[in-house]
Amino acid sequence: MKDLNLINRLETIKVIENKTDMISSLNDLISNYSNGRDTKQHRQFWKFAQNVAENTDDDDWNTAEKVVNQCKIELRFIDSFFFYVNPNKPDTQNIQLQFKSISFEKCSQVNFDVFFDGAIKIMALKLGITTQELLRG
């Protein structure tokens, strides 16, 4: 009977150790995510955008923010838009775009993945390289 008790205790210890390992693994996984979003992917995305900005002479693409906005335009990642006429230039029409947000609070991981995949292709095309070359840095 004592042997059976000892075996039960050892089994309990193994379960506890496995739970501890599992909890540690889950904590590692959770630390890479914020509100369901992959923080590593988000940081990499902005590095890619900065890389494009630093390697182009195009004034519409010369900051990471402009690169992201150009990708949002190309991918139609837009919440709303409206046309207006500048009173000082009545012969011209202008468009004001309100982009969808890629912030953690406003964009799900699924939607960011779709945007990321499309944006990477656009950025690579802008630099004249493949997506693999852009992803390798």
N, C-alpha and C. Protein backbone atom coordinates (compact mmCIF):
# COMPACT_ATOMS: atom_id res chain seq x y z
N MET A 1 0.81 -1.19 0.00
CA MET A 1 0.00 0.00 0.00
C MET A 1 0.86 1.26 0.00
N LYS A 2 1.97 1.21 0.77
CA LYS A 2 2.87 2.35 0.79
C LYS A 2 3.45 2.60 -0.59
N ASP A 3 3.79 1.52 -1.30
CA ASP A 3 4.35 1.68 -2.65
C ASP A 3 3.35 2.35 -3.58
N LEU A 4 2.09 1.99 -3.47
CA LEU A 4 1.05 2.58 -4.30
C LEU A 4 0.90 4.06 -4.00
N ASN A 5 0.97 4.41 -2.71
CA ASN A 5 0.91 5.82 -2.30
C ASN A 5 2.08 6.61 -2.87
N LEU A 6 3.24 6.03 -2.79
CA LEU A 6 4.44 6.68 -3.32
C LEU A 6 4.31 6.88 -4.83
N ILE A 7 3.83 5.86 -5.51
CA ILE A 7 3.64 5.96 -6.97
C ILE A 7 2.62 7.06 -7.28
N ASN A 8 1.53 7.14 -6.54
CA ASN A 8 0.53 8.19 -6.75
C ASN A 8 1.12 9.58 -6.54
N ARG A 9 1.96 9.71 -5.50
CA ARG A 9 2.61 11.01 -5.25
C ARG A 9 3.55 11.38 -6.38
N LEU A 10 4.32 10.39 -6.86
CA LEU A 10 5.25 10.65 -7.97
C LEU A 10 4.48 11.04 -9.23
N GLU A 11 3.36 10.36 -9.48
CA GLU A 11 2.53 10.71 -10.63
C GLU A 11 2.00 12.14 -10.48
N THR A 12 1.59 12.49 -9.27
CA THR A 12 1.09 13.84 -9.01
C THR A 12 2.19 14.87 -9.25
N ILE A 13 3.40 14.58 -8.82
CA ILE A 13 4.53 15.49 -9.04
C ILE A 13 4.77 15.66 -10.53
N LYS A 14 4.73 14.55 -11.31
CA LYS A 14 4.93 14.63 -12.75
C LYS A 14 3.87 15.51 -13.40
N VAL A 15 2.61 15.34 -12.95
CA VAL A 15 1.52 16.15 -13.50
C VAL A 15 1.76 17.62 -13.19
N ILE A 16 2.16 17.91 -11.95
CA ILE A 16 2.44 19.29 -11.55
C ILE A 16 3.59 19.85 -12.39
N GLU A 17 4.65 19.08 -12.57
CA GLU A 17 5.77 19.55 -13.39
C GLU A 17 5.32 19.81 -14.82
N ASN A 18 4.51 18.92 -15.36
CA ASN A 18 4.01 19.12 -16.73
C ASN A 18 3.13 20.35 -16.81
N LYS A 19 2.30 20.58 -15.78
CA LYS A 19 1.45 21.77 -15.77
C LYS A 19 2.31 23.02 -15.69
N THR A 20 3.37 22.97 -14.89
CA THR A 20 4.27 24.11 -14.77
C THR A 20 4.94 24.40 -16.12
N ASP A 21 5.40 23.34 -16.78
CA ASP A 21 5.99 23.52 -18.11
C ASP A 21 4.97 24.09 -19.09
N MET A 22 3.75 23.57 -19.00
CA MET A 22 2.70 24.03 -19.90
C MET A 22 2.38 25.49 -19.63
N ILE A 23 2.26 25.85 -18.35
CA ILE A 23 1.97 27.24 -17.99
C ILE A 23 3.11 28.15 -18.45
N SER A 24 4.34 27.71 -18.27
CA SER A 24 5.49 28.49 -18.73
C SER A 24 5.44 28.69 -20.24
N SER A 25 5.11 27.63 -20.97
CA SER A 25 5.00 27.73 -22.43
C SER A 25 3.88 28.68 -22.83
N LEU A 26 2.75 28.58 -22.13
CA LEU A 26 1.63 29.47 -22.43
C LEU A 26 2.00 30.92 -22.13
N ASN A 27 2.69 31.15 -21.03
CA ASN A 27 3.12 32.52 -20.70
C ASN A 27 4.05 33.08 -21.78
N ASP A 28 4.96 32.24 -22.29
CA ASP A 28 5.83 32.67 -23.37
C ASP A 28 5.02 33.04 -24.61
N LEU A 29 4.04 32.21 -24.92
CA LEU A 29 3.20 32.46 -26.07
C LEU A 29 2.40 33.74 -25.89
N ILE A 30 1.82 33.92 -24.72
CA ILE A 30 1.00 35.10 -24.44
C ILE A 30 1.85 36.36 -24.47
N SER A 31 3.09 36.29 -24.04
CA SER A 31 3.94 37.48 -24.03
C SER A 31 4.21 38.00 -25.44
N ASN A 32 4.08 37.13 -26.45
CA ASN A 32 4.27 37.57 -27.83
C ASN A 32 3.00 38.17 -28.43
N TYR A 33 1.91 38.13 -27.69
CA TYR A 33 0.64 38.63 -28.19
C TYR A 33 0.10 39.70 -27.27
N SER A 34 -0.60 40.65 -27.84
CA SER A 34 -1.27 41.68 -27.07
C SER A 34 -2.66 41.82 -27.67
N ASN A 35 -3.67 41.56 -26.88
CA ASN A 35 -5.06 41.59 -27.36
C ASN A 35 -5.23 40.71 -28.60
N GLY A 36 -4.59 39.56 -28.62
CA GLY A 36 -4.72 38.67 -29.75
C GLY A 36 -3.86 39.03 -30.93
N ARG A 37 -3.02 40.02 -30.82
CA ARG A 37 -2.18 40.46 -31.92
C ARG A 37 -0.76 40.02 -31.70
N ASP A 38 -0.09 39.70 -32.78
CA ASP A 38 1.29 39.25 -32.75
C ASP A 38 2.20 40.48 -32.75
N THR A 39 2.77 40.78 -31.59
CA THR A 39 3.59 41.98 -31.46
C THR A 39 4.87 41.88 -32.30
N LYS A 40 5.43 40.70 -32.40
CA LYS A 40 6.65 40.52 -33.20
C LYS A 40 6.38 40.83 -34.67
N GLN A 41 5.27 40.34 -35.19
CA GLN A 41 4.90 40.61 -36.58
C GLN A 41 4.67 42.11 -36.79
N HIS A 42 4.02 42.74 -35.83
CA HIS A 42 3.73 44.18 -35.94
C HIS A 42 5.03 44.99 -35.99
N ARG A 43 5.98 44.64 -35.11
CA ARG A 43 7.27 45.35 -35.11
C ARG A 43 8.03 45.11 -36.42
N GLN A 44 8.01 43.87 -36.90
CA GLN A 44 8.67 43.56 -38.17
C GLN A 44 8.06 44.36 -39.31
N PHE A 45 6.74 44.47 -39.30
CA PHE A 45 6.05 45.22 -40.35
C PHE A 45 6.57 46.66 -40.41
N TRP A 46 6.68 47.30 -39.26
CA TRP A 46 7.16 48.69 -39.25
C TRP A 46 8.64 48.78 -39.65
N LYS A 47 9.43 47.75 -39.36
CA LYS A 47 10.82 47.73 -39.82
C LYS A 47 10.88 47.64 -41.34
N PHE A 48 10.00 46.81 -41.91
CA PHE A 48 9.95 46.71 -43.38
C PHE A 48 9.56 48.05 -43.99
N ALA A 49 8.57 48.71 -43.39
CA ALA A 49 8.13 50.01 -43.90
C ALA A 49 9.27 51.03 -43.82
N GLN A 50 10.02 51.01 -42.72
CA GLN A 50 11.16 51.93 -42.57
C GLN A 50 12.24 51.61 -43.60
N ASN A 51 12.47 50.35 -43.86
CA ASN A 51 13.45 49.92 -44.86
C ASN A 51 13.08 50.48 -46.24
N VAL A 52 11.80 50.38 -46.59
CA VAL A 52 11.34 50.92 -47.88
C VAL A 52 11.57 52.43 -47.91
N ALA A 53 11.18 53.12 -46.85
CA ALA A 53 11.32 54.57 -46.79
C ALA A 53 12.77 55.01 -46.96
N GLU A 54 13.69 54.26 -46.37
CA GLU A 54 15.11 54.62 -46.44
C GLU A 54 15.73 54.29 -47.79
N ASN A 55 15.05 53.50 -48.60
CA ASN A 55 15.64 53.06 -49.86
C ASN A 55 14.87 53.54 -51.08
N THR A 56 14.18 54.66 -50.94
CA THR A 56 13.49 55.25 -52.09
C THR A 56 13.66 56.76 -52.08
N ASP A 57 13.64 57.33 -53.27
CA ASP A 57 13.72 58.78 -53.41
C ASP A 57 12.34 59.40 -53.61
N ASP A 58 11.32 58.57 -53.61
CA ASP A 58 9.95 59.01 -53.85
C ASP A 58 9.41 59.74 -52.62
N ASP A 59 9.04 61.01 -52.78
CA ASP A 59 8.55 61.81 -51.65
C ASP A 59 7.26 61.27 -51.04
N ASP A 60 6.51 60.50 -51.81
CA ASP A 60 5.28 59.92 -51.28
C ASP A 60 5.54 58.65 -50.47
N TRP A 61 6.80 58.20 -50.44
CA TRP A 61 7.16 56.95 -49.75
C TRP A 61 8.35 57.14 -48.82
N ASN A 62 8.74 58.36 -48.48
CA ASN A 62 10.00 58.58 -47.78
C ASN A 62 9.95 58.54 -46.25
N THR A 63 8.82 58.13 -45.68
CA THR A 63 8.74 57.84 -44.24
C THR A 63 7.97 56.53 -44.08
N ALA A 64 8.17 55.88 -42.95
CA ALA A 64 7.45 54.62 -42.71
C ALA A 64 5.94 54.85 -42.73
N GLU A 65 5.49 55.97 -42.18
CA GLU A 65 4.06 56.27 -42.16
C GLU A 65 3.51 56.42 -43.58
N LYS A 66 4.28 57.10 -44.45
CA LYS A 66 3.84 57.25 -45.84
C LYS A 66 3.81 55.91 -46.56
N VAL A 67 4.77 55.05 -46.28
CA VAL A 67 4.80 53.72 -46.88
C VAL A 67 3.54 52.96 -46.49
N VAL A 68 3.21 52.99 -45.20
CA VAL A 68 2.02 52.29 -44.72
C VAL A 68 0.76 52.88 -45.36
N ASN A 69 0.69 54.19 -45.45
CA ASN A 69 -0.48 54.82 -46.06
C ASN A 69 -0.59 54.47 -47.55
N GLN A 70 0.52 54.41 -48.26
CA GLN A 70 0.48 54.01 -49.67
C GLN A 70 -0.03 52.58 -49.79
N CYS A 71 0.39 51.72 -48.88
CA CYS A 71 -0.10 50.33 -48.88
C CYS A 71 -1.60 50.29 -48.58
N LYS A 72 -2.04 51.12 -47.63
CA LYS A 72 -3.47 51.17 -47.31
C LYS A 72 -4.28 51.63 -48.51
N ILE A 73 -3.77 52.59 -49.27
CA ILE A 73 -4.47 53.06 -50.46
C ILE A 73 -4.56 51.93 -51.48
N GLU A 74 -3.43 51.30 -51.75
CA GLU A 74 -3.37 50.23 -52.75
C GLU A 74 -4.29 49.06 -52.38
N LEU A 75 -4.35 48.74 -51.10
CA LEU A 75 -5.14 47.61 -50.63
C LEU A 75 -6.58 47.99 -50.29
N ARG A 76 -6.92 49.27 -50.51
CA ARG A 76 -8.26 49.78 -50.19
C ARG A 76 -8.59 49.56 -48.72
N PHE A 77 -7.60 49.78 -47.87
CA PHE A 77 -7.76 49.64 -46.43
C PHE A 77 -8.25 50.98 -45.89
N ILE A 78 -9.47 51.33 -46.30
CA ILE A 78 -10.01 52.67 -46.08
C ILE A 78 -11.38 52.55 -45.40
N ASP A 79 -11.59 53.35 -44.36
CA ASP A 79 -12.88 53.39 -43.68
C ASP A 79 -13.88 54.24 -44.45
N SER A 80 -13.44 55.43 -44.83
CA SER A 80 -14.34 56.34 -45.53
C SER A 80 -13.53 57.34 -46.34
N PHE A 81 -14.23 58.03 -47.23
CA PHE A 81 -13.60 59.08 -48.01
C PHE A 81 -14.67 60.09 -48.41
N PHE A 82 -14.23 61.28 -48.72
CA PHE A 82 -15.16 62.27 -49.25
C PHE A 82 -14.41 63.20 -50.20
N PHE A 83 -15.17 63.70 -51.16
CA PHE A 83 -14.64 64.65 -52.13
C PHE A 83 -14.95 66.05 -51.66
N TYR A 84 -14.06 66.96 -51.96
CA TYR A 84 -14.32 68.35 -51.62
C TYR A 84 -13.61 69.25 -52.63
N VAL A 85 -14.07 70.47 -52.69
CA VAL A 85 -13.48 71.47 -53.58
C VAL A 85 -12.83 72.53 -52.71
N ASN A 86 -11.58 72.83 -53.02
CA ASN A 86 -10.86 73.88 -52.32
C ASN A 86 -11.40 75.21 -52.82
N PRO A 87 -11.90 76.07 -51.93
CA PRO A 87 -12.45 77.36 -52.37
C PRO A 87 -11.44 78.21 -53.14
N ASN A 88 -10.16 78.02 -52.85
CA ASN A 88 -9.13 78.78 -53.55
C ASN A 88 -8.82 78.21 -54.93
N LYS A 89 -9.23 76.98 -55.17
CA LYS A 89 -9.02 76.32 -56.46
C LYS A 89 -10.30 75.60 -56.87
N PRO A 90 -11.32 76.34 -57.24
CA PRO A 90 -12.63 75.72 -57.51
C PRO A 90 -12.63 74.76 -58.70
N ASP A 91 -11.62 74.80 -59.54
CA ASP A 91 -11.57 73.91 -60.70
C ASP A 91 -11.02 72.52 -60.38
N THR A 92 -10.57 72.33 -59.16
CA THR A 92 -9.99 71.04 -58.80
C THR A 92 -10.83 70.36 -57.73
N GLN A 93 -10.86 69.03 -57.80
CA GLN A 93 -11.52 68.25 -56.76
C GLN A 93 -10.45 67.54 -55.95
N ASN A 94 -10.70 67.40 -54.70
CA ASN A 94 -9.78 66.71 -53.80
C ASN A 94 -10.52 65.57 -53.12
N ILE A 95 -9.77 64.62 -52.63
CA ILE A 95 -10.34 63.52 -51.89
C ILE A 95 -9.64 63.41 -50.54
N GLN A 96 -10.44 63.23 -49.53
CA GLN A 96 -9.91 63.03 -48.18
C GLN A 96 -10.18 61.58 -47.79
N LEU A 97 -9.13 60.85 -47.43
CA LEU A 97 -9.25 59.45 -47.06
C LEU A 97 -9.15 59.27 -45.55
N GLN A 98 -9.98 58.43 -45.01
CA GLN A 98 -9.86 58.03 -43.61
C GLN A 98 -9.47 56.56 -43.62
N PHE A 99 -8.21 56.28 -43.27
CA PHE A 99 -7.69 54.92 -43.33
C PHE A 99 -8.21 54.08 -42.17
N LYS A 100 -8.31 52.76 -42.41
CA LYS A 100 -8.56 51.84 -41.32
C LYS A 100 -7.30 51.78 -40.48
N SER A 101 -7.46 51.53 -39.21
CA SER A 101 -6.33 51.48 -38.29
C SER A 101 -5.75 50.07 -38.25
N ILE A 102 -4.43 50.01 -38.09
CA ILE A 102 -3.77 48.72 -37.84
C ILE A 102 -3.32 48.63 -36.38
N SER A 103 -3.86 49.52 -35.54
CA SER A 103 -3.50 49.49 -34.12
C SER A 103 -4.04 48.23 -33.47
N PHE A 104 -3.44 47.86 -32.36
CA PHE A 104 -3.85 46.66 -31.64
C PHE A 104 -5.31 46.74 -31.20
N GLU A 105 -5.75 47.92 -30.82
CA GLU A 105 -7.11 48.09 -30.30
C GLU A 105 -8.16 48.01 -31.40
N LYS A 106 -7.79 48.34 -32.64
CA LYS A 106 -8.80 48.48 -33.69
C LYS A 106 -8.70 47.49 -34.84
N CYS A 107 -7.70 46.65 -34.83
CA CYS A 107 -7.51 45.72 -35.95
C CYS A 107 -7.24 44.31 -35.40
N SER A 108 -8.06 43.37 -35.81
CA SER A 108 -7.86 41.99 -35.35
C SER A 108 -6.62 41.40 -36.00
N GLN A 109 -6.12 40.32 -35.43
CA GLN A 109 -4.95 39.64 -36.00
C GLN A 109 -5.27 39.11 -37.40
N VAL A 110 -6.47 38.59 -37.59
CA VAL A 110 -6.86 38.06 -38.90
C VAL A 110 -6.82 39.17 -39.95
N ASN A 111 -7.38 40.33 -39.64
CA ASN A 111 -7.37 41.44 -40.59
C ASN A 111 -5.96 41.97 -40.81
N PHE A 112 -5.15 41.99 -39.74
CA PHE A 112 -3.77 42.46 -39.90
C PHE A 112 -2.98 41.49 -40.77
N ASP A 113 -3.21 40.19 -40.62
CA ASP A 113 -2.53 39.20 -41.47
C ASP A 113 -2.81 39.44 -42.95
N VAL A 114 -4.07 39.71 -43.27
CA VAL A 114 -4.45 39.97 -44.66
C VAL A 114 -3.76 41.24 -45.15
N PHE A 115 -3.80 42.29 -44.32
CA PHE A 115 -3.14 43.54 -44.69
C PHE A 115 -1.63 43.35 -44.83
N PHE A 116 -1.02 42.67 -43.88
CA PHE A 116 0.42 42.41 -43.88
C PHE A 116 0.85 41.71 -45.17
N ASP A 117 0.13 40.64 -45.53
CA ASP A 117 0.48 39.88 -46.73
C ASP A 117 0.44 40.76 -47.99
N GLY A 118 -0.59 41.57 -48.10
CA GLY A 118 -0.70 42.45 -49.25
C GLY A 118 0.33 43.57 -49.23
N ALA A 119 0.55 44.14 -48.06
CA ALA A 119 1.49 45.26 -47.94
C ALA A 119 2.93 44.83 -48.23
N ILE A 120 3.30 43.64 -47.80
CA ILE A 120 4.65 43.14 -48.05
C ILE A 120 4.91 43.04 -49.56
N LYS A 121 3.90 42.58 -50.29
CA LYS A 121 4.03 42.48 -51.76
C LYS A 121 4.20 43.86 -52.38
N ILE A 122 3.43 44.82 -51.90
CA ILE A 122 3.52 46.19 -52.43
C ILE A 122 4.88 46.80 -52.11
N MET A 123 5.36 46.62 -50.88
CA MET A 123 6.66 47.17 -50.49
C MET A 123 7.79 46.55 -51.32
N ALA A 124 7.74 45.24 -51.51
CA ALA A 124 8.78 44.57 -52.30
C ALA A 124 8.76 45.08 -53.74
N LEU A 125 7.58 45.23 -54.29
CA LEU A 125 7.44 45.74 -55.66
C LEU A 125 8.02 47.15 -55.76
N LYS A 126 7.77 47.97 -54.75
CA LYS A 126 8.29 49.35 -54.75
C LYS A 126 9.82 49.35 -54.79
N LEU A 127 10.42 48.41 -54.09
CA LEU A 127 11.89 48.34 -54.06
C LEU A 127 12.47 47.54 -55.23
N GLY A 128 11.60 46.86 -55.98
CA GLY A 128 12.08 46.06 -57.09
C GLY A 128 12.74 44.77 -56.66
N ILE A 129 12.26 44.22 -55.54
CA ILE A 129 12.81 42.96 -55.02
C ILE A 129 11.67 41.99 -54.77
N THR A 130 12.01 40.75 -54.44
CA THR A 130 10.97 39.77 -54.12
C THR A 130 10.53 39.94 -52.67
N THR A 131 9.38 39.36 -52.36
CA THR A 131 8.92 39.42 -50.96
C THR A 131 9.88 38.67 -50.05
N GLN A 132 10.47 37.59 -50.55
CA GLN A 132 11.46 36.84 -49.75
C GLN A 132 12.66 37.71 -49.41
N GLU A 133 13.12 38.48 -50.40
CA GLU A 133 14.27 39.37 -50.14
C GLU A 133 13.90 40.43 -49.12
N LEU A 134 12.70 40.97 -49.19
CA LEU A 134 12.27 41.97 -48.21
C LEU A 134 12.18 41.34 -46.82
N LEU A 135 11.61 40.16 -46.74
CA LEU A 135 11.44 39.50 -45.44
C LEU A 135 12.77 39.12 -44.81
N ARG A 136 13.78 38.82 -45.64
CA ARG A 136 15.10 38.49 -45.12
C ARG A 136 15.84 39.73 -44.64
N GLY A 137 15.41 40.88 -45.12
CA GLY A 137 16.03 42.13 -44.68
C GLY A 137 17.22 42.46 -45.48
